[in-house]
Amino acid sequence: MPTQGERIEALEEQIRTMMEDNITLRESLNNANDRLTALSTPPPPTPPREVTPHLSTSLVYAQGLQPSSLK
């Protein structure tokens, strides 16, 4: 039969193990929460695209003409 000192040591070891398990579980929960937060956060809005001029307008400018001179 274990002595009272041995029982106390065994209980202290159980407590240490439970505390370590608790820390591990808390870290796992925090990591899972961080991943869920990242997944539920909408991506930042995309910046507006630059509008490129129509090809015919680009060709007019490329030829050195001004659109007003085509009237």
N, C-alpha and C. Protein backbone atom coordinates (compact mmCIF):
# COMPACT_ATOMS: atom_id res chain seq x y z
N MET A 1 0.86 -1.18 0.00
CA MET A 1 0.00 0.00 0.00
C MET A 1 0.89 1.24 0.00
N PRO A 2 0.62 2.20 -0.93
CA PRO A 2 1.47 3.39 -0.99
C PRO A 2 1.32 4.26 0.25
N THR A 3 2.40 4.89 0.56
CA THR A 3 2.36 5.79 1.71
C THR A 3 1.68 7.09 1.32
N GLN A 4 1.39 7.89 2.33
CA GLN A 4 0.73 9.17 2.05
C GLN A 4 1.62 10.04 1.18
N GLY A 5 2.92 10.02 1.41
CA GLY A 5 3.87 10.81 0.60
C GLY A 5 3.85 10.36 -0.85
N GLU A 6 3.79 9.04 -1.07
CA GLU A 6 3.75 8.51 -2.43
C GLU A 6 2.43 8.90 -3.13
N ARG A 7 1.35 8.87 -2.37
CA ARG A 7 0.06 9.26 -2.96
C ARG A 7 0.07 10.74 -3.34
N ILE A 8 0.67 11.56 -2.47
CA ILE A 8 0.77 12.99 -2.76
C ILE A 8 1.60 13.21 -4.02
N GLU A 9 2.73 12.50 -4.13
CA GLU A 9 3.59 12.63 -5.32
C GLU A 9 2.83 12.21 -6.58
N ALA A 10 2.07 11.13 -6.48
CA ALA A 10 1.31 10.66 -7.63
C ALA A 10 0.24 11.70 -8.03
N LEU A 11 -0.42 12.28 -7.02
CA LEU A 11 -1.42 13.31 -7.31
C LEU A 11 -0.78 14.56 -7.90
N GLU A 12 0.37 14.95 -7.39
CA GLU A 12 1.07 16.11 -7.95
C GLU A 12 1.45 15.87 -9.40
N GLU A 13 1.88 14.65 -9.72
CA GLU A 13 2.23 14.31 -11.10
C GLU A 13 0.99 14.36 -11.98
N GLN A 14 -0.13 13.87 -11.47
CA GLN A 14 -1.38 13.94 -12.24
C GLN A 14 -1.77 15.40 -12.51
N ILE A 15 -1.60 16.24 -11.50
CA ILE A 15 -1.93 17.65 -11.64
C ILE A 15 -1.04 18.30 -12.69
N ARG A 16 0.28 18.01 -12.65
CA ARG A 16 1.20 18.57 -13.64
C ARG A 16 0.81 18.15 -15.05
N THR A 17 0.47 16.86 -15.21
CA THR A 17 0.06 16.35 -16.52
C THR A 17 -1.21 17.03 -16.99
N MET A 18 -2.17 17.20 -16.08
CA MET A 18 -3.43 17.85 -16.45
C MET A 18 -3.19 19.31 -16.83
N MET A 19 -2.30 19.99 -16.13
CA MET A 19 -2.00 21.38 -16.46
C MET A 19 -1.33 21.48 -17.84
N GLU A 20 -0.41 20.57 -18.12
CA GLU A 20 0.24 20.56 -19.44
C GLU A 20 -0.78 20.28 -20.54
N ASP A 21 -1.68 19.33 -20.28
CA ASP A 21 -2.74 19.03 -21.26
C ASP A 21 -3.63 20.24 -21.46
N ASN A 22 -3.94 20.95 -20.38
CA ASN A 22 -4.78 22.14 -20.46
C ASN A 22 -4.12 23.21 -21.33
N ILE A 23 -2.81 23.41 -21.15
CA ILE A 23 -2.07 24.40 -21.94
C ILE A 23 -2.09 23.99 -23.41
N THR A 24 -1.86 22.70 -23.68
CA THR A 24 -1.87 22.21 -25.06
C THR A 24 -3.23 22.41 -25.70
N LEU A 25 -4.30 22.10 -24.97
CA LEU A 25 -5.65 22.28 -25.50
C LEU A 25 -5.95 23.76 -25.75
N ARG A 26 -5.52 24.62 -24.84
CA ARG A 26 -5.76 26.05 -25.01
C ARG A 26 -5.03 26.57 -26.25
N GLU A 27 -3.78 26.13 -26.47
CA GLU A 27 -3.04 26.54 -27.66
C GLU A 27 -3.74 26.04 -28.92
N SER A 28 -4.22 24.81 -28.89
CA SER A 28 -4.93 24.27 -30.05
C SER A 28 -6.19 25.06 -30.35
N LEU A 29 -6.93 25.40 -29.30
CA LEU A 29 -8.14 26.20 -29.49
C LEU A 29 -7.81 27.58 -30.04
N ASN A 30 -6.76 28.20 -29.54
CA ASN A 30 -6.36 29.52 -30.04
C ASN A 30 -5.97 29.43 -31.51
N ASN A 31 -5.23 28.40 -31.88
CA ASN A 31 -4.84 28.23 -33.28
C ASN A 31 -6.06 28.01 -34.16
N ALA A 32 -6.97 27.18 -33.71
CA ALA A 32 -8.19 26.92 -34.48
C ALA A 32 -9.02 28.20 -34.61
N ASN A 33 -9.10 28.96 -33.52
CA ASN A 33 -9.85 30.22 -33.56
C ASN A 33 -9.21 31.20 -34.53
N ASP A 34 -7.88 31.27 -34.53
CA ASP A 34 -7.18 32.16 -35.47
C ASP A 34 -7.46 31.76 -36.92
N ARG A 35 -7.45 30.45 -37.19
CA ARG A 35 -7.73 29.97 -38.56
C ARG A 35 -9.16 30.30 -38.96
N LEU A 36 -10.11 30.10 -38.04
CA LEU A 36 -11.51 30.42 -38.35
C LEU A 36 -11.69 31.91 -38.59
N THR A 37 -11.03 32.72 -37.79
CA THR A 37 -11.12 34.16 -37.98
C THR A 37 -10.57 34.55 -39.34
N ALA A 38 -9.43 33.96 -39.71
CA ALA A 38 -8.84 34.27 -41.01
C ALA A 38 -9.77 33.86 -42.15
N LEU A 39 -10.44 32.72 -41.99
CA LEU A 39 -11.33 32.25 -43.04
C LEU A 39 -12.59 33.10 -43.14
N SER A 40 -13.06 33.63 -42.02
CA SER A 40 -14.31 34.39 -42.04
C SER A 40 -14.10 35.86 -42.33
N THR A 41 -12.84 36.33 -42.35
CA THR A 41 -12.56 37.72 -42.65
C THR A 41 -12.59 37.90 -44.16
N PRO A 42 -13.42 38.82 -44.65
CA PRO A 42 -13.47 39.01 -46.10
C PRO A 42 -12.15 39.58 -46.61
N PRO A 43 -11.79 39.25 -47.83
CA PRO A 43 -10.54 39.79 -48.37
C PRO A 43 -10.67 41.29 -48.57
N PRO A 44 -9.56 41.99 -48.60
CA PRO A 44 -9.64 43.43 -48.80
C PRO A 44 -10.22 43.72 -50.19
N PRO A 45 -10.89 44.85 -50.32
CA PRO A 45 -11.47 45.16 -51.63
C PRO A 45 -10.39 45.32 -52.69
N THR A 46 -10.70 44.89 -53.88
CA THR A 46 -9.73 45.03 -54.95
C THR A 46 -9.76 46.47 -55.44
N PRO A 47 -8.60 47.01 -55.73
CA PRO A 47 -8.57 48.40 -56.20
C PRO A 47 -9.23 48.48 -57.58
N PRO A 48 -9.82 49.62 -57.89
CA PRO A 48 -10.46 49.74 -59.20
C PRO A 48 -9.44 49.59 -60.31
N ARG A 49 -9.87 48.93 -61.38
CA ARG A 49 -8.97 48.75 -62.51
C ARG A 49 -8.90 50.05 -63.30
N GLU A 50 -7.75 50.26 -63.92
CA GLU A 50 -7.64 51.41 -64.80
C GLU A 50 -8.42 51.10 -66.07
N VAL A 51 -9.15 52.08 -66.51
CA VAL A 51 -9.92 51.89 -67.73
C VAL A 51 -9.00 52.18 -68.90
N THR A 52 -8.85 51.20 -69.76
CA THR A 52 -8.01 51.40 -70.94
C THR A 52 -8.88 51.98 -72.05
N PRO A 53 -8.35 52.92 -72.80
CA PRO A 53 -9.16 53.51 -73.87
C PRO A 53 -9.45 52.47 -74.94
N HIS A 54 -10.48 52.71 -75.66
CA HIS A 54 -10.87 51.82 -76.75
C HIS A 54 -9.75 51.78 -77.78
N LEU A 55 -9.60 50.66 -78.45
CA LEU A 55 -8.49 50.48 -79.38
C LEU A 55 -8.48 51.55 -80.46
N SER A 56 -9.64 51.89 -80.98
CA SER A 56 -9.67 52.90 -82.06
C SER A 56 -9.18 54.25 -81.53
N THR A 57 -9.51 54.59 -80.28
CA THR A 57 -9.02 55.84 -79.69
C THR A 57 -7.51 55.78 -79.55
N SER A 58 -6.97 54.64 -79.14
CA SER A 58 -5.53 54.49 -79.01
C SER A 58 -4.85 54.65 -80.35
N LEU A 59 -5.44 54.12 -81.42
CA LEU A 59 -4.85 54.23 -82.75
C LEU A 59 -4.85 55.68 -83.23
N VAL A 60 -5.91 56.43 -82.90
CA VAL A 60 -5.98 57.84 -83.27
C VAL A 60 -4.83 58.60 -82.62
N TYR A 61 -4.64 58.38 -81.33
CA TYR A 61 -3.55 59.07 -80.64
C TYR A 61 -2.19 58.61 -81.15
N ALA A 62 -2.06 57.32 -81.45
CA ALA A 62 -0.79 56.78 -81.94
C ALA A 62 -0.42 57.42 -83.27
N GLN A 63 -1.39 57.80 -84.08
CA GLN A 63 -1.12 58.42 -85.38
C GLN A 63 -0.88 59.92 -85.26
N GLY A 64 -0.94 60.43 -84.04
CA GLY A 64 -0.68 61.85 -83.82
C GLY A 64 -1.88 62.73 -84.08
N LEU A 65 -3.03 62.16 -84.25
CA LEU A 65 -4.24 62.94 -84.50
C LEU A 65 -4.97 63.19 -83.19
N GLN A 66 -5.70 64.22 -83.14
CA GLN A 66 -6.55 64.49 -81.99
C GLN A 66 -7.97 64.09 -82.37
N PRO A 67 -8.72 63.49 -81.46
CA PRO A 67 -10.09 63.09 -81.81
C PRO A 67 -10.92 64.26 -82.34
N SER A 68 -10.65 65.48 -81.86
CA SER A 68 -11.44 66.62 -82.33
C SER A 68 -11.17 66.92 -83.80
N SER A 69 -9.99 66.54 -84.30
CA SER A 69 -9.68 66.81 -85.71
C SER A 69 -10.35 65.83 -86.65
N LEU A 70 -10.99 64.80 -86.11
CA LEU A 70 -11.65 63.80 -86.95
C LEU A 70 -13.07 64.20 -87.29
N LYS A 71 -13.56 65.24 -86.68
CA LYS A 71 -14.97 65.64 -86.91
C LYS A 71 -15.18 66.17 -88.30
